[in-house]
């Protein structure tokens, strides 16, 4: 009898722990902090970035798969997507190569990830990130002369 009481207590504890973890997982979903409202009153979600290497390019379907272990994301690449390589700021999807390092700026439309900008990582990308950090530093730490 005592054994069954202990097993029932353990079962109840495991159930309560499972429910409390499930509540925390849903509470931690990312919020769209940078979301904006369009003139029509629709909420436009903020763009996110995903960095990794190109695993697959499907120019016919207009999609690209980017891998960053252990994740892999497939993005739809619309014609208006800006593809930036070192030699051309308005490159085509066919100018990218498998296993190149890229950063994809994207938004979620339903269950689909839609790329708005693809930048090949390298000196140009590193320089852009450095400039962004310098501007941020200037905003957060203004010089006494300003």
Protein backbone atom coordinates (compact mmCIF):
# COMPACT_ATOMS: atom_id res chain seq x y z
CA UNK A 1 0.00 0.00 0.00
CA UNK A 2 2.80 2.38 0.94
CA UNK A 3 4.53 1.66 -2.39
CA UNK A 4 1.42 2.73 -4.38
CA UNK A 5 1.16 6.00 -2.45
CA UNK A 6 4.80 6.82 -3.28
CA UNK A 7 4.30 5.95 -6.96
CA UNK A 8 1.13 8.07 -7.12
CA UNK A 9 2.94 11.01 -5.50
CA UNK A 10 5.80 10.72 -8.02
CA UNK A 11 3.31 10.56 -10.88
CA UNK A 12 1.51 13.67 -9.67
CA UNK A 13 4.83 15.56 -9.29
CA UNK A 14 5.92 14.63 -12.82
CA UNK A 15 2.54 15.75 -14.19
CA UNK A 16 2.68 19.09 -12.37
CA UNK A 17 6.26 19.65 -13.52
CA UNK A 18 5.29 18.89 -17.13
CA UNK A 19 2.38 21.33 -17.06
CA UNK A 20 4.48 24.10 -15.47
CA UNK A 21 7.23 23.66 -18.10
CA UNK A 22 4.65 23.78 -20.89
CA UNK A 23 3.28 27.07 -19.53
CA UNK A 24 6.77 28.59 -19.42
CA UNK A 25 7.55 27.48 -22.98
CA UNK A 26 4.52 29.31 -24.34
CA UNK A 27 5.23 32.37 -22.21
CA UNK A 28 8.74 32.70 -23.66
CA UNK A 29 7.72 32.97 -27.29
CA UNK A 30 9.49 35.92 -28.90
CA UNK A 31 7.46 39.06 -29.19
CA UNK A 32 7.53 41.25 -32.26
CA UNK A 33 9.09 44.21 -30.50
CA UNK A 34 10.07 45.96 -33.69
CA UNK A 35 6.71 45.51 -35.35
CA UNK A 36 5.27 48.54 -37.10
CA UNK A 37 1.77 49.54 -38.12
CA UNK A 38 1.17 50.32 -41.79
CA UNK A 39 -1.04 53.14 -43.07
CA UNK A 40 -3.84 50.60 -43.57
CA UNK A 41 -3.66 49.69 -39.86
CA UNK A 42 -2.08 46.28 -40.44
CA UNK A 43 0.71 45.07 -38.19
CA UNK A 44 3.92 44.49 -40.12
CA UNK A 45 6.26 42.18 -38.21
CA UNK A 46 9.86 43.08 -37.57
CA UNK A 47 12.58 41.56 -39.68
CA UNK A 48 14.86 38.96 -38.19
CA UNK A 49 18.27 37.75 -39.30
CA UNK A 50 19.63 34.23 -39.75
CA UNK A 51 23.31 33.62 -40.45
CA UNK A 52 24.74 30.42 -41.82
CA UNK A 53 25.98 28.68 -44.93
CA UNK A 54 23.95 27.98 -48.05
CA UNK A 55 22.89 24.34 -48.18
CA UNK A 56 20.57 24.41 -51.19
CA UNK A 57 19.53 26.88 -53.86
CA UNK A 58 16.40 26.34 -55.96
CA UNK A 59 16.32 29.17 -58.50
CA UNK A 60 13.21 27.76 -60.25
CA UNK A 61 11.12 27.81 -57.08
CA UNK A 62 12.86 30.93 -55.78
CA UNK A 63 14.02 29.45 -52.50
CA UNK A 64 17.23 29.07 -50.54
CA UNK A 65 18.10 26.84 -47.58
CA UNK A 66 20.57 28.21 -45.05
CA UNK A 67 22.15 25.96 -42.45
CA UNK A 68 23.64 26.84 -39.09
CA UNK A 69 24.11 23.68 -37.09
CA UNK A 70 21.80 22.37 -35.67
CA UNK A 71 19.25 24.56 -37.49
CA UNK A 72 18.31 24.74 -41.13
CA UNK A 73 15.84 27.27 -42.52
CA UNK A 74 14.33 27.51 -45.99
CA UNK A 75 13.42 30.96 -47.25
CA UNK A 76 11.26 32.04 -50.16
CA UNK A 77 13.20 34.57 -52.21
CA UNK A 78 10.80 36.97 -53.99
CA UNK A 79 12.01 38.99 -56.99
CA UNK A 80 12.20 42.18 -54.89
CA UNK A 81 14.65 40.55 -52.43
CA UNK A 82 17.96 42.41 -52.31
CA UNK A 83 20.85 40.01 -52.86
CA UNK A 84 24.13 41.69 -51.98
CA UNK A 85 27.45 40.14 -53.01
CA UNK A 86 30.79 41.91 -52.99
CA UNK A 87 30.74 42.71 -56.71
CA UNK A 88 27.05 43.54 -57.08
CA UNK A 89 24.50 45.03 -54.67
CA UNK A 90 21.59 43.78 -56.83
CA UNK A 91 22.75 40.27 -57.65
CA UNK A 92 20.54 37.39 -58.72
CA UNK A 93 19.90 34.22 -56.76
CA UNK A 94 21.97 32.28 -59.30
CA UNK A 95 25.08 34.27 -58.33
CA UNK A 96 25.15 32.69 -54.88
CA UNK A 97 26.97 29.38 -54.36
CA UNK A 98 26.41 26.44 -52.03
CA UNK A 99 28.48 26.57 -48.80
CA UNK A 100 28.91 30.35 -48.99
CA UNK A 101 28.42 32.17 -45.69
CA UNK A 102 25.40 34.48 -45.81
CA UNK A 103 23.11 36.50 -43.56
CA UNK A 104 19.43 36.44 -44.49
CA UNK A 105 17.11 39.20 -43.31
CA UNK A 106 13.59 37.79 -43.33
CA UNK A 107 10.07 38.09 -42.05
CA UNK A 108 7.47 35.46 -41.28
CA UNK A 109 4.33 35.38 -43.39
CA UNK A 110 2.18 32.69 -41.88
CA UNK A 111 4.32 29.55 -41.80
CA UNK A 112 6.61 30.79 -44.56
CA UNK A 113 9.91 32.62 -44.14
CA UNK A 114 10.32 35.35 -46.77
CA UNK A 115 13.76 36.82 -47.40
CA UNK A 116 14.01 40.56 -47.91
CA UNK A 117 17.82 40.74 -48.06
CA UNK A 118 20.62 38.22 -48.51
CA UNK A 119 24.16 39.40 -47.84
CA UNK A 120 27.24 37.30 -48.49
CA UNK A 121 29.42 37.44 -45.40
CA UNK A 122 32.92 38.74 -45.89
CA UNK A 123 34.76 42.02 -45.65
CA UNK A 124 31.79 44.10 -46.86
CA UNK A 125 29.42 42.51 -44.30
CA UNK A 126 31.97 42.89 -41.51
CA UNK A 127 32.48 46.55 -42.41
CA UNK A 128 28.71 47.17 -42.38
CA UNK A 129 28.39 45.55 -38.95
CA UNK A 130 31.31 47.64 -37.65
CA UNK A 131 29.66 50.85 -38.91
CA UNK A 132 26.36 49.88 -37.26
CA UNK A 133 28.13 49.29 -33.95
CA UNK A 134 29.94 52.62 -34.21
CA UNK A 135 26.65 54.46 -34.85
CA UNK A 136 25.06 52.66 -31.91
CA UNK A 137 28.00 53.55 -29.70
CA UNK A 138 27.71 57.21 -30.75
CA UNK A 139 24.00 57.19 -29.88
CA UNK A 140 24.51 55.54 -26.49
CA UNK A 141 27.68 57.42 -25.55
CA UNK A 142 27.53 60.91 -27.09
CA UNK A 143 30.68 63.00 -26.95
CA UNK A 144 30.68 65.88 -24.44
CA UNK A 145 30.87 68.35 -27.35
CA UNK A 146 27.40 67.41 -28.62
